[in-house]
Amino acid sequence: MTRHFKTALPILLIGLVVAVGAIWQSASAADCTLTYDNFGKAFLEKHCLFCHSSAKTGFARKGAPGDANFDTLDSFKKFTDESMKKVVVKKTMPPMASMLPDDERAKFKQWIECEFK
């Protein structure tokens, strides 16, 4: 091998890794079809607003913190990490968590990752 080839090979490999990473990232972004309007709003209404609604107070919140209101996308934003942990990882939310199918959890995860990350 020539000296130039030995020098150029690592640079070419790094370039290839960067190019493949960019293509993969673009493909992942293309997979982001779930939005607040076509998924998130209905999910939150069906599974969360029973407790996490600004219209609920006191005992009607079933223990949900007073500032954890999911009525709008803006009000939900600051709770995305905690919600991901409780809905997807620990599966402790919603309270009847066993009633939430895994495919819905997967869609919730995809929506959070696409909309907020």
C-alpha atoms as a PDB file:
ATOM      1  CA  MET A   1       0.000   0.000   0.000  1.00  0.00           C
ATOM      2  CA  THR A   2       1.121   3.465  -0.713  1.00  0.00           C
ATOM      3  CA  ARG A   3       1.395   6.070   1.984  1.00  0.00           C
ATOM      4  CA  HIS A   4      -1.413   8.137   0.407  1.00  0.00           C
ATOM      5  CA  PHE A   5      -3.766   5.166   0.373  1.00  0.00           C
ATOM      6  CA  LYS A   6      -3.068   4.443   4.047  1.00  0.00           C
ATOM      7  CA  THR A   7      -3.888   8.063   4.867  1.00  0.00           C
ATOM      8  CA  ALA A   8      -6.971   8.271   2.650  1.00  0.00           C
ATOM      9  CA  LEU A   9      -8.571   4.985   3.743  1.00  0.00           C
ATOM     10  CA  PRO A  10      -9.521   6.094   7.286  1.00  0.00           C
ATOM     11  CA  ILE A  11     -10.918   9.359   5.924  1.00  0.00           C
ATOM     12  CA  LEU A  12     -12.996   7.478   3.346  1.00  0.00           C
ATOM     13  CA  LEU A  13     -14.317   5.112   6.007  1.00  0.00           C
ATOM     14  CA  ILE A  14     -15.311   7.998   8.266  1.00  0.00           C
ATOM     15  CA  GLY A  15     -17.061   9.655   5.325  1.00  0.00           C
ATOM     16  CA  LEU A  16     -18.923   6.431   4.583  1.00  0.00           C
ATOM     17  CA  VAL A  17     -20.063   6.076   8.196  1.00  0.00           C
ATOM     18  CA  VAL A  18     -21.286   9.680   8.236  1.00  0.00           C
ATOM     19  CA  ALA A  19     -23.150   9.221   4.931  1.00  0.00           C
ATOM     20  CA  VAL A  20     -24.837   6.004   6.068  1.00  0.00           C
ATOM     21  CA  GLY A  21     -25.801   7.660   9.354  1.00  0.00           C
ATOM     22  CA  ALA A  22     -27.388  10.581   7.504  1.00  0.00           C
ATOM     23  CA  ILE A  23     -29.353   8.230   5.249  1.00  0.00           C
ATOM     24  CA  TRP A  24     -30.529   6.188   8.252  1.00  0.00           C
ATOM     25  CA  GLN A  25     -31.552   9.333  10.115  1.00  0.00           C
ATOM     26  CA  SER A  26     -33.524  10.567   7.103  1.00  0.00           C
ATOM     27  CA  ALA A  27     -35.294   7.239   6.857  1.00  0.00           C
ATOM     28  CA  SER A  28     -36.179   7.429  10.553  1.00  0.00           C
ATOM     29  CA  ALA A  29     -37.591  10.914  10.109  1.00  0.00           C
ATOM     30  CA  ALA A  30     -39.675   9.615   7.198  1.00  0.00           C
ATOM     31  CA  ASP A  31     -41.154   7.028   9.568  1.00  0.00           C
ATOM     32  CA  CYS A  32     -42.542   9.805  11.767  1.00  0.00           C
ATOM     33  CA  THR A  33     -46.141   9.741  10.665  1.00  0.00           C
ATOM     34  CA  LEU A  34     -47.758  10.162  14.086  1.00  0.00           C
ATOM     35  CA  THR A  35     -48.548  13.714  15.157  1.00  0.00           C
ATOM     36  CA  TYR A  36     -50.561  15.368  17.889  1.00  0.00           C
ATOM     37  CA  ASP A  37     -53.402  15.919  15.441  1.00  0.00           C
ATOM     38  CA  ASN A  38     -53.593  12.380  14.045  1.00  0.00           C
ATOM     39  CA  PHE A  39     -52.664  10.423  17.185  1.00  0.00           C
ATOM     40  CA  GLY A  40     -51.564  12.281  20.321  1.00  0.00           C
ATOM     41  CA  LYS A  41     -54.714  14.282  20.994  1.00  0.00           C
ATOM     42  CA  ALA A  42     -57.001  11.247  20.763  1.00  0.00           C
ATOM     43  CA  PHE A  43     -54.600   9.135  22.854  1.00  0.00           C
ATOM     44  CA  LEU A  44     -54.459  11.746  25.616  1.00  0.00           C
ATOM     45  CA  GLU A  45     -58.233  12.225  25.558  1.00  0.00           C
ATOM     46  CA  LYS A  46     -58.895   8.494  25.754  1.00  0.00           C
ATOM     47  CA  HIS A  47     -56.230   7.464  28.270  1.00  0.00           C
ATOM     48  CA  CYS A  48     -55.137  10.533  30.262  1.00  0.00           C
ATOM     49  CA  LEU A  49     -57.709  13.310  30.570  1.00  0.00           C
ATOM     50  CA  PHE A  50     -59.832  11.345  33.016  1.00  0.00           C
ATOM     51  CA  CYS A  51     -57.303  12.519  35.628  1.00  0.00           C
ATOM     52  CA  HIS A  52     -54.941  14.939  33.836  1.00  0.00           C
ATOM     53  CA  SER A  53     -57.475  17.575  32.803  1.00  0.00           C
ATOM     54  CA  SER A  54     -57.382  21.221  33.847  1.00  0.00           C
ATOM     55  CA  ALA A  55     -61.155  20.937  34.389  1.00  0.00           C
ATOM     56  CA  LYS A  56     -60.581  18.403  37.198  1.00  0.00           C
ATOM     57  CA  THR A  57     -59.734  19.432  40.737  1.00  0.00           C
ATOM     58  CA  GLY A  58     -59.186  17.728  44.057  1.00  0.00           C
ATOM     59  CA  PHE A  59     -60.354  14.146  44.373  1.00  0.00           C
ATOM     60  CA  ALA A  60     -61.565  14.114  40.747  1.00  0.00           C
ATOM     61  CA  ARG A  61     -57.910  14.137  39.643  1.00  0.00           C
ATOM     62  CA  LYS A  62     -57.391  10.696  41.232  1.00  0.00           C
ATOM     63  CA  GLY A  63     -53.978  11.734  42.570  1.00  0.00           C
ATOM     64  CA  ALA A  64     -52.692  13.390  39.378  1.00  0.00           C
ATOM     65  CA  PRO A  65     -50.487  16.396  40.246  1.00  0.00           C
ATOM     66  CA  GLY A  66     -52.314  19.700  39.892  1.00  0.00           C
ATOM     67  CA  ASP A  67     -49.933  21.012  37.246  1.00  0.00           C
ATOM     68  CA  ALA A  68     -49.959  17.829  35.129  1.00  0.00           C
ATOM     69  CA  ASN A  69     -52.668  18.786  32.653  1.00  0.00           C
ATOM     70  CA  PHE A  70     -52.705  17.236  29.201  1.00  0.00           C
ATOM     71  CA  ASP A  71     -55.540  19.238  27.631  1.00  0.00           C
ATOM     72  CA  THR A  72     -53.296  20.734  24.948  1.00  0.00           C
ATOM     73  CA  LEU A  73     -50.030  19.926  23.255  1.00  0.00           C
ATOM     74  CA  ASP A  74     -48.368  22.866  25.009  1.00  0.00           C
ATOM     75  CA  SER A  75     -49.549  21.771  28.445  1.00  0.00           C
ATOM     76  CA  PHE A  76     -48.349  18.206  27.793  1.00  0.00           C
ATOM     77  CA  LYS A  77     -44.860  19.123  26.485  1.00  0.00           C
ATOM     78  CA  LYS A  78     -43.128  19.427  29.850  1.00  0.00           C
ATOM     79  CA  PHE A  79     -44.316  15.949  30.839  1.00  0.00           C
ATOM     80  CA  THR A  80     -43.092  13.995  27.799  1.00  0.00           C
ATOM     81  CA  ASP A  81     -40.072  12.373  29.482  1.00  0.00           C
ATOM     82  CA  GLU A  82     -42.010  11.387  32.585  1.00  0.00           C
ATOM     83  CA  SER A  83     -44.952  10.169  30.493  1.00  0.00           C
ATOM     84  CA  MET A  84     -42.641   8.078  28.310  1.00  0.00           C
ATOM     85  CA  LYS A  85     -41.191   6.495  31.432  1.00  0.00           C
ATOM     86  CA  LYS A  86     -44.585   5.747  33.000  1.00  0.00           C
ATOM     87  CA  VAL A  87     -46.501   4.688  29.866  1.00  0.00           C
ATOM     88  CA  VAL A  88     -43.816   2.853  27.893  1.00  0.00           C
ATOM     89  CA  VAL A  89     -41.024   1.764  30.248  1.00  0.00           C
ATOM     90  CA  LYS A  90     -42.659   1.089  33.621  1.00  0.00           C
ATOM     91  CA  LYS A  91     -46.170   0.592  32.208  1.00  0.00           C
ATOM     92  CA  THR A  92     -47.710   2.176  35.313  1.00  0.00           C
ATOM     93  CA  MET A  93     -49.862   4.625  33.374  1.00  0.00           C
ATOM     94  CA  PRO A  94     -52.652   4.865  32.657  1.00  0.00           C
ATOM     95  CA  PRO A  95     -53.822   3.475  36.026  1.00  0.00           C
ATOM     96  CA  MET A  96     -55.483   0.540  34.297  1.00  0.00           C
ATOM     97  CA  ALA A  97     -52.190   0.038  32.455  1.00  0.00           C
ATOM     98  CA  SER A  98     -52.885  -3.604  31.698  1.00  0.00           C
ATOM     99  CA  MET A  99     -55.815  -2.420  29.579  1.00  0.00           C
ATOM    100  CA  LEU A 100     -53.503  -0.478  27.224  1.00  0.00           C
ATOM    101  CA  PRO A 101     -52.321  -2.782  24.419  1.00  0.00           C
ATOM    102  CA  ASP A 102     -48.604  -2.901  23.645  1.00  0.00           C
ATOM    103  CA  ASP A 103     -49.216  -1.632  20.108  1.00  0.00           C
ATOM    104  CA  GLU A 104     -50.770   1.533  21.579  1.00  0.00           C
ATOM    105  CA  ARG A 105     -47.754   1.935  23.859  1.00  0.00           C
ATOM    106  CA  ALA A 106     -45.490   1.559  20.824  1.00  0.00           C
ATOM    107  CA  LYS A 107     -47.446   4.220  18.935  1.00  0.00           C
ATOM    108  CA  PHE A 108     -47.283   6.532  21.955  1.00  0.00           C
ATOM    109  CA  LYS A 109     -43.502   6.044  22.077  1.00  0.00           C
ATOM    110  CA  GLN A 110     -43.166   6.723  18.351  1.00  0.00           C
ATOM    111  CA  TRP A 111     -45.320   9.853  18.619  1.00  0.00           C
ATOM    112  CA  ILE A 112     -43.272  11.236  21.535  1.00  0.00           C
ATOM    113  CA  GLU A 113     -39.987  10.517  19.768  1.00  0.00           C
ATOM    114  CA  CYS A 114     -41.172  12.130  16.540  1.00  0.00           C
ATOM    115  CA  GLU A 115     -43.002  15.127  17.961  1.00  0.00           C
ATOM    116  CA  PHE A 116     -40.654  16.111  20.779  1.00  0.00           C
ATOM    117  CA  LYS A 117     -37.151  14.736  20.194  1.00  0.00           C
END
